[in-house]
Amino acid sequence: MNRITVIIILTCIQIYSVFGQSDFDVNIKSKALEDEWKIKIHLPQDYSEDKFYPVIYITDANSDNFEIASNYIDMLSLPDYDVIPKCILVGITQKQRLTELDP
């Protein structure tokens, strides 16, 4: 990921955290692939710009995987369980799933 892409994602995270939303999409144009990709981002409910959060990346985010992963992350980071720290989930969607995810 190049520097501009990271800056765009971080800016979007800051903008959406002000409005209290925890899930949103970002479209990123790739010069190398000559295409546009949708990136899904899930923030902790009490996200703060003043804190640092680990980031988990998943592929195949256009299926139910992203929603399931975000639910697990939210549940496992609750104080009652405290299995993992609160973190940011970034999901990368595919356009041609079998081609892009097949080794």
PDB file of N, CA and C in Angstrom:
ATOM      1  N   MET A   1       0.853  -1.159   0.000  1.00  0.00           N
ATOM      2  CA  MET A   1       0.000   0.000   0.000  1.00  0.00           C
ATOM      3  C   MET A   1       0.910   1.237   0.000  1.00  0.00           C
ATOM      4  N   ASN A   2       0.610   2.165  -0.862  1.00  0.00           N
ATOM      5  CA  ASN A   2       1.451   3.350  -0.910  1.00  0.00           C
ATOM      6  C   ASN A   2       1.020   4.371   0.143  1.00  0.00           C
ATOM      7  N   ARG A   3       1.821   5.386   0.299  1.00  0.00           N
ATOM      8  CA  ARG A   3       1.619   6.387   1.353  1.00  0.00           C
ATOM      9  C   ARG A   3       0.282   7.113   1.198  1.00  0.00           C
ATOM     10  N   ILE A   4      -0.099   7.465  -0.037  1.00  0.00           N
ATOM     11  CA  ILE A   4      -1.355   8.191  -0.257  1.00  0.00           C
ATOM     12  C   ILE A   4      -2.544   7.337   0.145  1.00  0.00           C
ATOM     13  N   THR A   5      -2.503   6.045  -0.158  1.00  0.00           N
ATOM     14  CA  THR A   5      -3.592   5.146   0.214  1.00  0.00           C
ATOM     15  C   THR A   5      -3.751   5.085   1.727  1.00  0.00           C
ATOM     16  N   VAL A   6      -2.642   4.976   2.436  1.00  0.00           N
ATOM     17  CA  VAL A   6      -2.688   4.925   3.904  1.00  0.00           C
ATOM     18  C   VAL A   6      -3.258   6.229   4.450  1.00  0.00           C
ATOM     19  N   ILE A   7      -2.845   7.353   3.894  1.00  0.00           N
ATOM     20  CA  ILE A   7      -3.352   8.652   4.349  1.00  0.00           C
ATOM     21  C   ILE A   7      -4.854   8.753   4.109  1.00  0.00           C
ATOM     22  N   ILE A   8      -5.322   8.270   2.956  1.00  0.00           N
ATOM     23  CA  ILE A   8      -6.759   8.311   2.654  1.00  0.00           C
ATOM     24  C   ILE A   8      -7.537   7.467   3.655  1.00  0.00           C
ATOM     25  N   ILE A   9      -7.058   6.265   3.931  1.00  0.00           N
ATOM     26  CA  ILE A   9      -7.758   5.379   4.870  1.00  0.00           C
ATOM     27  C   ILE A   9      -7.786   5.996   6.266  1.00  0.00           C
ATOM     28  N   LEU A  10      -6.660   6.524   6.724  1.00  0.00           N
ATOM     29  CA  LEU A  10      -6.623   7.130   8.061  1.00  0.00           C
ATOM     30  C   LEU A  10      -7.512   8.366   8.144  1.00  0.00           C
ATOM     31  N   THR A  11      -7.559   9.153   7.080  1.00  0.00           N
ATOM     32  CA  THR A  11      -8.445  10.316   7.057  1.00  0.00           C
ATOM     33  C   THR A  11      -9.893   9.896   7.143  1.00  0.00           C
ATOM     34  N   CYS A  12     -10.258   8.857   6.391  1.00  0.00           N
ATOM     35  CA  CYS A  12     -11.639   8.359   6.434  1.00  0.00           C
ATOM     36  C   CYS A  12     -11.994   7.839   7.814  1.00  0.00           C
ATOM     37  N   ILE A  13     -11.045   7.162   8.465  1.00  0.00           N
ATOM     38  CA  ILE A  13     -11.288   6.664   9.815  1.00  0.00           C
ATOM     39  C   ILE A  13     -11.552   7.831  10.759  1.00  0.00           C
ATOM     40  N   GLN A  14     -10.769   8.892  10.648  1.00  0.00           N
ATOM     41  CA  GLN A  14     -10.953  10.049  11.519  1.00  0.00           C
ATOM     42  C   GLN A  14     -12.284  10.736  11.256  1.00  0.00           C
ATOM     43  N   ILE A  15     -12.655  10.886   9.992  1.00  0.00           N
ATOM     44  CA  ILE A  15     -13.916  11.546   9.644  1.00  0.00           C
ATOM     45  C   ILE A  15     -15.095  10.742  10.164  1.00  0.00           C
ATOM     46  N   TYR A  16     -15.093   9.438   9.935  1.00  0.00           N
ATOM     47  CA  TYR A  16     -16.222   8.617  10.347  1.00  0.00           C
ATOM     48  C   TYR A  16     -16.300   8.445  11.851  1.00  0.00           C
ATOM     49  N   SER A  17     -15.165   8.514  12.542  1.00  0.00           N
ATOM     50  CA  SER A  17     -15.221   8.386  13.996  1.00  0.00           C
ATOM     51  C   SER A  17     -15.912   9.583  14.624  1.00  0.00           C
ATOM     52  N   VAL A  18     -15.830  10.734  13.994  1.00  0.00           N
ATOM     53  CA  VAL A  18     -16.506  11.926  14.495  1.00  0.00           C
ATOM     54  C   VAL A  18     -18.013  11.746  14.451  1.00  0.00           C
ATOM     55  N   PHE A  19     -18.501  11.061  13.438  1.00  0.00           N
ATOM     56  CA  PHE A  19     -19.938  10.866  13.282  1.00  0.00           C
ATOM     57  C   PHE A  19     -20.440   9.618  14.002  1.00  0.00           C
ATOM     58  N   GLY A  20     -19.569   8.885  14.688  1.00  0.00           N
ATOM     59  CA  GLY A  20     -19.974   7.765  15.504  1.00  0.00           C
ATOM     60  C   GLY A  20     -20.309   6.495  14.747  1.00  0.00           C
ATOM     61  N   GLN A  21     -19.913   6.392  13.498  1.00  0.00           N
ATOM     62  CA  GLN A  21     -20.180   5.171  12.751  1.00  0.00           C
ATOM     63  C   GLN A  21     -19.026   4.204  12.966  1.00  0.00           C
ATOM     64  N   SER A  22     -19.326   2.913  12.987  1.00  0.00           N
ATOM     65  CA  SER A  22     -18.263   1.950  13.212  1.00  0.00           C
ATOM     66  C   SER A  22     -17.917   1.157  11.961  1.00  0.00           C
ATOM     67  N   ASP A  23     -18.766   1.138  10.940  1.00  0.00           N
ATOM     68  CA  ASP A  23     -18.483   0.439   9.687  1.00  0.00           C
ATOM     69  C   ASP A  23     -18.635   1.397   8.522  1.00  0.00           C
ATOM     70  N   PHE A  24     -17.679   1.342   7.600  1.00  0.00           N
ATOM     71  CA  PHE A  24     -17.791   2.149   6.394  1.00  0.00           C
ATOM     72  C   PHE A  24     -16.907   1.569   5.298  1.00  0.00           C
ATOM     73  N   ASP A  25     -17.118   2.029   4.077  1.00  0.00           N
ATOM     74  CA  ASP A  25     -16.381   1.562   2.910  1.00  0.00           C
ATOM     75  C   ASP A  25     -15.535   2.691   2.343  1.00  0.00           C
ATOM     76  N   VAL A  26     -14.402   2.314   1.773  1.00  0.00           N
ATOM     77  CA  VAL A  26     -13.518   3.259   1.106  1.00  0.00           C
ATOM     78  C   VAL A  26     -13.185   2.665  -0.258  1.00  0.00           C
ATOM     79  N   ASN A  27     -13.282   3.458  -1.309  1.00  0.00           N
ATOM     80  CA  ASN A  27     -12.882   3.007  -2.640  1.00  0.00           C
ATOM     81  C   ASN A  27     -11.483   3.510  -2.933  1.00  0.00           C
ATOM     82  N   ILE A  28     -10.615   2.580  -3.370  1.00  0.00           N
ATOM     83  CA  ILE A  28      -9.224   2.911  -3.659  1.00  0.00           C
ATOM     84  C   ILE A  28      -8.923   2.531  -5.097  1.00  0.00           C
ATOM     85  N   LYS A  29      -8.365   3.458  -5.837  1.00  0.00           N
ATOM     86  CA  LYS A  29      -7.982   3.195  -7.225  1.00  0.00           C
ATOM     87  C   LYS A  29      -6.546   2.701  -7.254  1.00  0.00           C
ATOM     88  N   SER A  30      -6.332   1.615  -8.000  1.00  0.00           N
ATOM     89  CA  SER A  30      -5.005   1.038  -8.138  1.00  0.00           C
ATOM     90  C   SER A  30      -4.487   1.316  -9.544  1.00  0.00           C
ATOM     91  N   LYS A  31      -3.354   2.017  -9.613  1.00  0.00           N
ATOM     92  CA  LYS A  31      -2.730   2.254 -10.921  1.00  0.00           C
ATOM     93  C   LYS A  31      -2.136   0.964 -11.465  1.00  0.00           C
ATOM     94  N   ALA A  32      -1.544   0.160 -10.590  1.00  0.00           N
ATOM     95  CA  ALA A  32      -0.895  -1.075 -11.026  1.00  0.00           C
ATOM     96  C   ALA A  32      -1.901  -2.066 -11.619  1.00  0.00           C
ATOM     97  N   LEU A  33      -3.081  -2.178 -10.988  1.00  0.00           N
ATOM     98  CA  LEU A  33      -4.099  -3.118 -11.467  1.00  0.00           C
ATOM     99  C   LEU A  33      -5.111  -2.459 -12.398  1.00  0.00           C
ATOM    100  N   GLU A  34      -5.013  -1.143 -12.517  1.00  0.00           N
ATOM    101  CA  GLU A  34      -5.927  -0.369 -13.356  1.00  0.00           C
ATOM    102  C   GLU A  34      -7.384  -0.674 -13.029  1.00  0.00           C
ATOM    103  N   ASP A  35      -7.681  -0.600 -11.746  1.00  0.00           N
ATOM    104  CA  ASP A  35      -9.029  -0.909 -11.288  1.00  0.00           C
ATOM    105  C   ASP A  35      -9.272  -0.214  -9.957  1.00  0.00           C
ATOM    106  N   GLU A  36     -10.518  -0.249  -9.513  1.00  0.00           N
ATOM    107  CA  GLU A  36     -10.888   0.336  -8.234  1.00  0.00           C
ATOM    108  C   GLU A  36     -11.357  -0.772  -7.301  1.00  0.00           C
ATOM    109  N   TRP A  37     -10.938  -0.700  -6.043  1.00  0.00           N
ATOM    110  CA  TRP A  37     -11.258  -1.726  -5.058  1.00  0.00           C
ATOM    111  C   TRP A  37     -12.002  -1.111  -3.892  1.00  0.00           C
ATOM    112  N   LYS A  38     -12.958  -1.864  -3.372  1.00  0.00           N
ATOM    113  CA  LYS A  38     -13.678  -1.425  -2.183  1.00  0.00           C
ATOM    114  C   LYS A  38     -13.043  -2.069  -0.959  1.00  0.00           C
ATOM    115  N   ILE A  39     -12.718  -1.228   0.015  1.00  0.00           N
ATOM    116  CA  ILE A  39     -12.141  -1.676   1.275  1.00  0.00           C
ATOM    117  C   ILE A  39     -13.181  -1.397   2.362  1.00  0.00           C
ATOM    118  N   LYS A  40     -13.483  -2.402   3.174  1.00  0.00           N
ATOM    119  CA  LYS A  40     -14.421  -2.232   4.283  1.00  0.00           C
ATOM    120  C   LYS A  40     -13.622  -2.047   5.569  1.00  0.00           C
ATOM    121  N   ILE A  41     -14.081  -1.128   6.406  1.00  0.00           N
ATOM    122  CA  ILE A  41     -13.386  -0.840   7.659  1.00  0.00           C
ATOM    123  C   ILE A  41     -14.383  -0.887   8.814  1.00  0.00           C
ATOM    124  N   HIS A  42     -14.006  -1.592   9.875  1.00  0.00           N
ATOM    125  CA  HIS A  42     -14.817  -1.681  11.097  1.00  0.00           C
ATOM    126  C   HIS A  42     -13.988  -1.140  12.249  1.00  0.00           C
ATOM    127  N   LEU A  43     -14.550  -0.171  12.960  1.00  0.00           N
ATOM    128  CA  LEU A  43     -13.884   0.436  14.114  1.00  0.00           C
ATOM    129  C   LEU A  43     -14.531  -0.022  15.410  1.00  0.00           C
ATOM    130  N   PRO A  44     -13.781  -0.048  16.511  1.00  0.00           N
ATOM    131  CA  PRO A  44     -14.392  -0.353  17.808  1.00  0.00           C
ATOM    132  C   PRO A  44     -15.459   0.688  18.142  1.00  0.00           C
ATOM    133  N   GLN A  45     -16.444   0.298  18.922  1.00  0.00           N
ATOM    134  CA  GLN A  45     -17.545   1.202  19.268  1.00  0.00           C
ATOM    135  C   GLN A  45     -17.063   2.477  19.946  1.00  0.00           C
ATOM    136  N   ASP A  46     -16.063   2.382  20.780  1.00  0.00           N
ATOM    137  CA  ASP A  46     -15.565   3.569  21.484  1.00  0.00           C
ATOM    138  C   ASP A  46     -14.244   4.040  20.882  1.00  0.00           C
ATOM    139  N   TYR A  47     -14.136   3.988  19.562  1.00  0.00           N
ATOM    140  CA  TYR A  47     -12.915   4.390  18.861  1.00  0.00           C
ATOM    141  C   TYR A  47     -12.505   5.812  19.235  1.00  0.00           C
ATOM    142  N   SER A  48     -11.217   5.991  19.452  1.00  0.00           N
ATOM    143  CA  SER A  48     -10.680   7.303  19.789  1.00  0.00           C
ATOM    144  C   SER A  48      -9.415   7.540  18.964  1.00  0.00           C
ATOM    145  N   GLU A  49      -9.296   8.733  18.431  1.00  0.00           N
ATOM    146  CA  GLU A  49      -8.105   9.087  17.661  1.00  0.00           C
ATOM    147  C   GLU A  49      -6.859   9.129  18.535  1.00  0.00           C
ATOM    148  N   ASP A  50      -7.040   9.218  19.825  1.00  0.00           N
ATOM    149  CA  ASP A  50      -5.911   9.329  20.745  1.00  0.00           C
ATOM    150  C   ASP A  50      -5.303   7.976  21.115  1.00  0.00           C
ATOM    151  N   LYS A  51      -5.940   6.882  20.718  1.00  0.00           N
ATOM    152  CA  LYS A  51      -5.461   5.546  21.058  1.00  0.00           C
ATOM    153  C   LYS A  51      -4.902   4.850  19.819  1.00  0.00           C
ATOM    154  N   PHE A  52      -4.049   3.867  20.050  1.00  0.00           N
ATOM    155  CA  PHE A  52      -3.536   3.026  18.980  1.00  0.00           C
ATOM    156  C   PHE A  52      -4.262   1.686  19.045  1.00  0.00           C
ATOM    157  N   TYR A  53      -4.610   1.138  17.880  1.00  0.00           N
ATOM    158  CA  TYR A  53      -5.334  -0.115  17.804  1.00  0.00           C
ATOM    159  C   TYR A  53      -4.604  -1.072  16.865  1.00  0.00           C
ATOM    160  N   PRO A  54      -4.564  -2.353  17.214  1.00  0.00           N
ATOM    161  CA  PRO A  54      -4.056  -3.329  16.247  1.00  0.00           C
ATOM    162  C   PRO A  54      -5.029  -3.410  15.066  1.00  0.00           C
ATOM    163  N   VAL A  55      -4.521  -3.809  13.911  1.00  0.00           N
ATOM    164  CA  VAL A  55      -5.353  -3.916  12.713  1.00  0.00           C
ATOM    165  C   VAL A  55      -5.334  -5.357  12.234  1.00  0.00           C
ATOM    166  N   ILE A  56      -6.517  -5.885  11.931  1.00  0.00           N
ATOM    167  CA  ILE A  56      -6.657  -7.218  11.367  1.00  0.00           C
ATOM    168  C   ILE A  56      -7.144  -7.058   9.935  1.00  0.00           C
ATOM    169  N   TYR A  57      -6.469  -7.708   8.989  1.00  0.00           N
ATOM    170  CA  TYR A  57      -6.850  -7.656   7.584  1.00  0.00           C
ATOM    171  C   TYR A  57      -7.447  -8.996   7.173  1.00  0.00           C
ATOM    172  N   ILE A  58      -8.559  -8.951   6.441  1.00  0.00           N
ATOM    173  CA  ILE A  58      -9.124 -10.185   5.901  1.00  0.00           C
ATOM    174  C   ILE A  58      -9.433  -9.983   4.425  1.00  0.00           C
ATOM    175  N   THR A  59      -9.345 -11.061   3.677  1.00  0.00           N
ATOM    176  CA  THR A  59      -9.760 -11.045   2.279  1.00  0.00           C
ATOM    177  C   THR A  59     -11.186 -11.583   2.201  1.00  0.00           C
ATOM    178  N   ASP A  60     -11.749 -11.550   1.031  1.00  0.00           N
ATOM    179  CA  ASP A  60     -13.099 -12.074   0.809  1.00  0.00           C
ATOM    180  C   ASP A  60     -14.135 -11.333   1.659  1.00  0.00           C
ATOM    181  N   ALA A  61     -13.992 -10.015   1.730  1.00  0.00           N
ATOM    182  CA  ALA A  61     -14.865  -9.210   2.581  1.00  0.00           C
ATOM    183  C   ALA A  61     -16.230  -8.951   1.962  1.00  0.00           C
ATOM    184  N   ASN A  62     -16.453  -9.328   0.708  1.00  0.00           N
ATOM    185  CA  ASN A  62     -17.773  -9.097   0.136  1.00  0.00           C
ATOM    186  C   ASN A  62     -18.726 -10.250   0.440  1.00  0.00           C
ATOM    187  N   SER A  63     -18.256 -11.268   1.123  1.00  0.00           N
ATOM    188  CA  SER A  63     -19.154 -12.317   1.599  1.00  0.00           C
ATOM    189  C   SER A  63     -19.547 -11.963   3.033  1.00  0.00           C
ATOM    190  N   ASP A  64     -20.142 -12.897   3.739  1.00  0.00           N
ATOM    191  CA  ASP A  64     -20.520 -12.670   5.139  1.00  0.00           C
ATOM    192  C   ASP A  64     -19.310 -12.661   6.076  1.00  0.00           C
ATOM    193  N   ASN A  65     -18.132 -12.999   5.548  1.00  0.00           N
ATOM    194  CA  ASN A  65     -16.937 -13.096   6.395  1.00  0.00           C
ATOM    195  C   ASN A  65     -16.648 -11.813   7.158  1.00  0.00           C
ATOM    196  N   PHE A  66     -16.821 -10.663   6.520  1.00  0.00           N
ATOM    197  CA  PHE A  66     -16.501  -9.393   7.177  1.00  0.00           C
ATOM    198  C   PHE A  66     -17.423  -9.149   8.363  1.00  0.00           C
ATOM    199  N   GLU A  67     -18.710  -9.350   8.163  1.00  0.00           N
ATOM    200  CA  GLU A  67     -19.668  -9.134   9.252  1.00  0.00           C
ATOM    201  C   GLU A  67     -19.446 -10.123  10.393  1.00  0.00           C
ATOM    202  N   ILE A  68     -19.182 -11.363  10.059  1.00  0.00           N
ATOM    203  CA  ILE A  68     -18.931 -12.380  11.083  1.00  0.00           C
ATOM    204  C   ILE A  68     -17.660 -12.034  11.862  1.00  0.00           C
ATOM    205  N   ALA A  69     -16.599 -11.661  11.156  1.00  0.00           N
ATOM    206  CA  ALA A  69     -15.338 -11.309  11.819  1.00  0.00           C
ATOM    207  C   ALA A  69     -15.509 -10.093  12.718  1.00  0.00           C
ATOM    208  N   SER A  70     -16.235  -9.079  12.244  1.00  0.00           N
ATOM    209  CA  SER A  70     -16.429  -7.880  13.069  1.00  0.00           C
ATOM    210  C   SER A  70     -17.233  -8.204  14.322  1.00  0.00           C
ATOM    211  N   ASN A  71     -18.219  -9.092  14.212  1.00  0.00           N
ATOM    212  CA  ASN A  71     -18.994  -9.501  15.390  1.00  0.00           C
ATOM    213  C   ASN A  71     -18.127 -10.252  16.397  1.00  0.00           C
ATOM    214  N   TYR A  72     -17.282 -11.161  15.909  1.00  0.00           N
ATOM    215  CA  TYR A  72     -16.381 -11.896  16.801  1.00  0.00           C
ATOM    216  C   TYR A  72     -15.396 -10.947  17.489  1.00  0.00           C
ATOM    217  N   ILE A  73     -14.844 -10.015  16.723  1.00  0.00           N
ATOM    218  CA  ILE A  73     -13.885  -9.066  17.294  1.00  0.00           C
ATOM    219  C   ILE A  73     -14.551  -8.233  18.383  1.00  0.00           C
ATOM    220  N   ASP A  74     -15.755  -7.744  18.101  1.00  0.00           N
ATOM    221  CA  ASP A  74     -16.474  -6.950  19.109  1.00  0.00           C
ATOM    222  C   ASP A  74     -16.743  -7.764  20.368  1.00  0.00           C
ATOM    223  N   MET A  75     -17.166  -9.005  20.192  1.00  0.00           N
ATOM    224  CA  MET A  75     -17.511  -9.847  21.339  1.00  0.00           C
ATOM    225  C   MET A  75     -16.271 -10.222  22.150  1.00  0.00           C
ATOM    226  N   LEU A  76     -15.212 -10.644  21.469  1.00  0.00           N
ATOM    227  CA  LEU A  76     -14.011 -11.098  22.175  1.00  0.00           C
ATOM    228  C   LEU A  76     -13.236  -9.963  22.842  1.00  0.00           C
ATOM    229  N   SER A  77     -13.522  -8.725  22.459  1.00  0.00           N
ATOM    230  CA  SER A  77     -12.835  -7.601  23.083  1.00  0.00           C
ATOM    231  C   SER A  77     -13.640  -6.959  24.209  1.00  0.00           C
ATOM    232  N   LEU A  78     -14.828  -7.500  24.490  1.00  0.00           N
ATOM    233  CA  LEU A  78     -15.624  -6.994  25.603  1.00  0.00           C
ATOM    234  C   LEU A  78     -14.910  -7.254  26.933  1.00  0.00           C
ATOM    235  N   PRO A  79     -15.097  -6.394  27.910  1.00  0.00           N
ATOM    236  CA  PRO A  79     -14.447  -6.593  29.220  1.00  0.00           C
ATOM    237  C   PRO A  79     -14.799  -7.936  29.873  1.00  0.00           C
ATOM    238  N   ASP A  80     -15.997  -8.463  29.599  1.00  0.00           N
ATOM    239  CA  ASP A  80     -16.387  -9.753  30.189  1.00  0.00           C
ATOM    240  C   ASP A  80     -15.507 -10.901  29.686  1.00  0.00           C
ATOM    241  N   TYR A  81     -15.041 -10.807  28.449  1.00  0.00           N
ATOM    242  CA  TYR A  81     -14.218 -11.870  27.854  1.00  0.00           C
ATOM    243  C   TYR A  81     -12.746 -11.472  27.833  1.00  0.00           C
ATOM    244  N   ASP A  82     -12.454 -10.281  27.333  1.00  0.00           N
ATOM    245  CA  ASP A  82     -11.099  -9.738  27.294  1.00  0.00           C
ATOM    246  C   ASP A  82     -10.086 -10.719  26.703  1.00  0.00           C
ATOM    247  N   VAL A  83     -10.475 -11.360  25.585  1.00  0.00           N
ATOM    248  CA  VAL A  83      -9.604 -12.325  24.928  1.00  0.00           C
ATOM    249  C   VAL A  83      -8.628 -11.611  23.988  1.00  0.00           C
ATOM    250  N   ILE A  84      -9.116 -10.578  23.295  1.00  0.00           N
ATOM    251  CA  ILE A  84      -8.279  -9.810  22.381  1.00  0.00           C
ATOM    252  C   ILE A  84      -8.467  -8.318  22.688  1.00  0.00           C
ATOM    253  N   PRO A  85      -7.496  -7.491  22.294  1.00  0.00           N
ATOM    254  CA  PRO A  85      -7.684  -6.047  22.491  1.00  0.00           C
ATOM    255  C   PRO A  85      -8.672  -5.505  21.463  1.00  0.00           C
ATOM    256  N   LYS A  86      -9.222  -4.341  21.719  1.00  0.00           N
ATOM    257  CA  LYS A  86     -10.071  -3.689  20.729  1.00  0.00           C
ATOM    258  C   LYS A  86      -9.201  -3.392  19.511  1.00  0.00           C
ATOM    259  N   CYS A  87      -9.727  -3.675  18.324  1.00  0.00           N
ATOM    260  CA  CYS A  87      -8.916  -3.510  17.128  1.00  0.00           C
ATOM    261  C   CYS A  87      -9.750  -3.038  15.943  1.00  0.00           C
ATOM    262  N   ILE A  88      -9.066  -2.659  14.887  1.00  0.00           N
ATOM    263  CA  ILE A  88      -9.687  -2.224  13.643  1.00  0.00           C
ATOM    264  C   ILE A  88      -9.655  -3.398  12.677  1.00  0.00           C
ATOM    265  N   LEU A  89     -10.759  -3.627  11.990  1.00  0.00           N
ATOM    266  CA  LEU A  89     -10.837  -4.683  10.988  1.00  0.00           C
ATOM    267  C   LEU A  89     -10.895  -4.040   9.605  1.00  0.00           C
ATOM    268  N   VAL A  90     -10.005  -4.481   8.721  1.00  0.00           N
ATOM    269  CA  VAL A  90      -9.979  -3.994   7.341  1.00  0.00           C
ATOM    270  C   VAL A  90     -10.234  -5.189   6.434  1.00  0.00           C
ATOM    271  N   GLY A  91     -11.292  -5.097   5.624  1.00  0.00           N
ATOM    272  CA  GLY A  91     -11.654  -6.176   4.716  1.00  0.00           C
ATOM    273  C   GLY A  91     -11.438  -5.776   3.269  1.00  0.00           C
ATOM    274  N   ILE A  92     -10.791  -6.643   2.518  1.00  0.00           N
ATOM    275  CA  ILE A  92     -10.522  -6.392   1.105  1.00  0.00           C
ATOM    276  C   ILE A  92     -11.511  -7.210   0.287  1.00  0.00           C
ATOM    277  N   THR A  93     -12.266  -6.537  -0.561  1.00  0.00           N
ATOM    278  CA  THR A  93     -13.262  -7.228  -1.381  1.00  0.00           C
ATOM    279  C   THR A  93     -12.626  -7.738  -2.672  1.00  0.00           C
ATOM    280  N   GLN A  94     -13.290  -8.686  -3.292  1.00  0.00           N
ATOM    281  CA  GLN A  94     -12.840  -9.233  -4.565  1.00  0.00           C
ATOM    282  C   GLN A  94     -13.887  -8.988  -5.636  1.00  0.00           C
ATOM    283  N   LYS A  95     -13.409  -8.932  -6.864  1.00  0.00           N
ATOM    284  CA  LYS A  95     -14.325  -8.811  -7.998  1.00  0.00           C
ATOM    285  C   LYS A  95     -14.489 -10.162  -8.684  1.00  0.00           C
ATOM    286  N   GLN A  96     -13.389 -10.912  -8.769  1.00  0.00           N
ATOM    287  CA  GLN A  96     -13.414 -12.255  -9.344  1.00  0.00           C
ATOM    288  C   GLN A  96     -12.817 -13.193  -8.311  1.00  0.00           C
ATOM    289  N   ARG A  97     -13.647 -13.630  -7.403  1.00  0.00           N
ATOM    290  CA  ARG A  97     -13.225 -14.352  -6.208  1.00  0.00           C
ATOM    291  C   ARG A  97     -12.333 -15.562  -6.521  1.00  0.00           C
ATOM    292  N   LEU A  98     -12.775 -16.401  -7.437  1.00  0.00           N
ATOM    293  CA  LEU A  98     -12.017 -17.622  -7.724  1.00  0.00           C
ATOM    294  C   LEU A  98     -10.643 -17.332  -8.317  1.00  0.00           C
ATOM    295  N   THR A  99     -10.554 -16.321  -9.132  1.00  0.00           N
ATOM    296  CA  THR A  99      -9.271 -15.953  -9.737  1.00  0.00           C
ATOM    297  C   THR A  99      -8.343 -15.293  -8.721  1.00  0.00           C
ATOM    298  N   GLU A 100      -8.882 -14.415  -7.916  1.00  0.00           N
ATOM    299  CA  GLU A 100      -8.058 -13.625  -7.002  1.00  0.00           C
ATOM    300  C   GLU A 100      -7.636 -14.387  -5.759  1.00  0.00           C
ATOM    301  N   LEU A 101      -8.434 -15.343  -5.301  1.00  0.00           N
ATOM    302  CA  LEU A 101      -8.113 -16.062  -4.067  1.00  0.00           C
ATOM    303  C   LEU A 101      -7.541 -17.457  -4.303  1.00  0.00           C
ATOM    304  N   ASP A 102      -7.518 -17.903  -5.538  1.00  0.00           N
ATOM    305  CA  ASP A 102      -6.994 -19.237  -5.865  1.00  0.00           C
ATOM    306  C   ASP A 102      -5.485 -19.163  -6.015  1.00  0.00           C
ATOM    307  N   PRO A 103      -4.757 -20.076  -5.356  1.00  0.00           N
ATOM    308  CA  PRO A 103      -3.281 -20.014  -5.430  1.00  0.00           C
ATOM    309  C   PRO A 103      -2.732 -20.305  -6.798  1.00  0.00           C
TER     310      PRO A 103
END
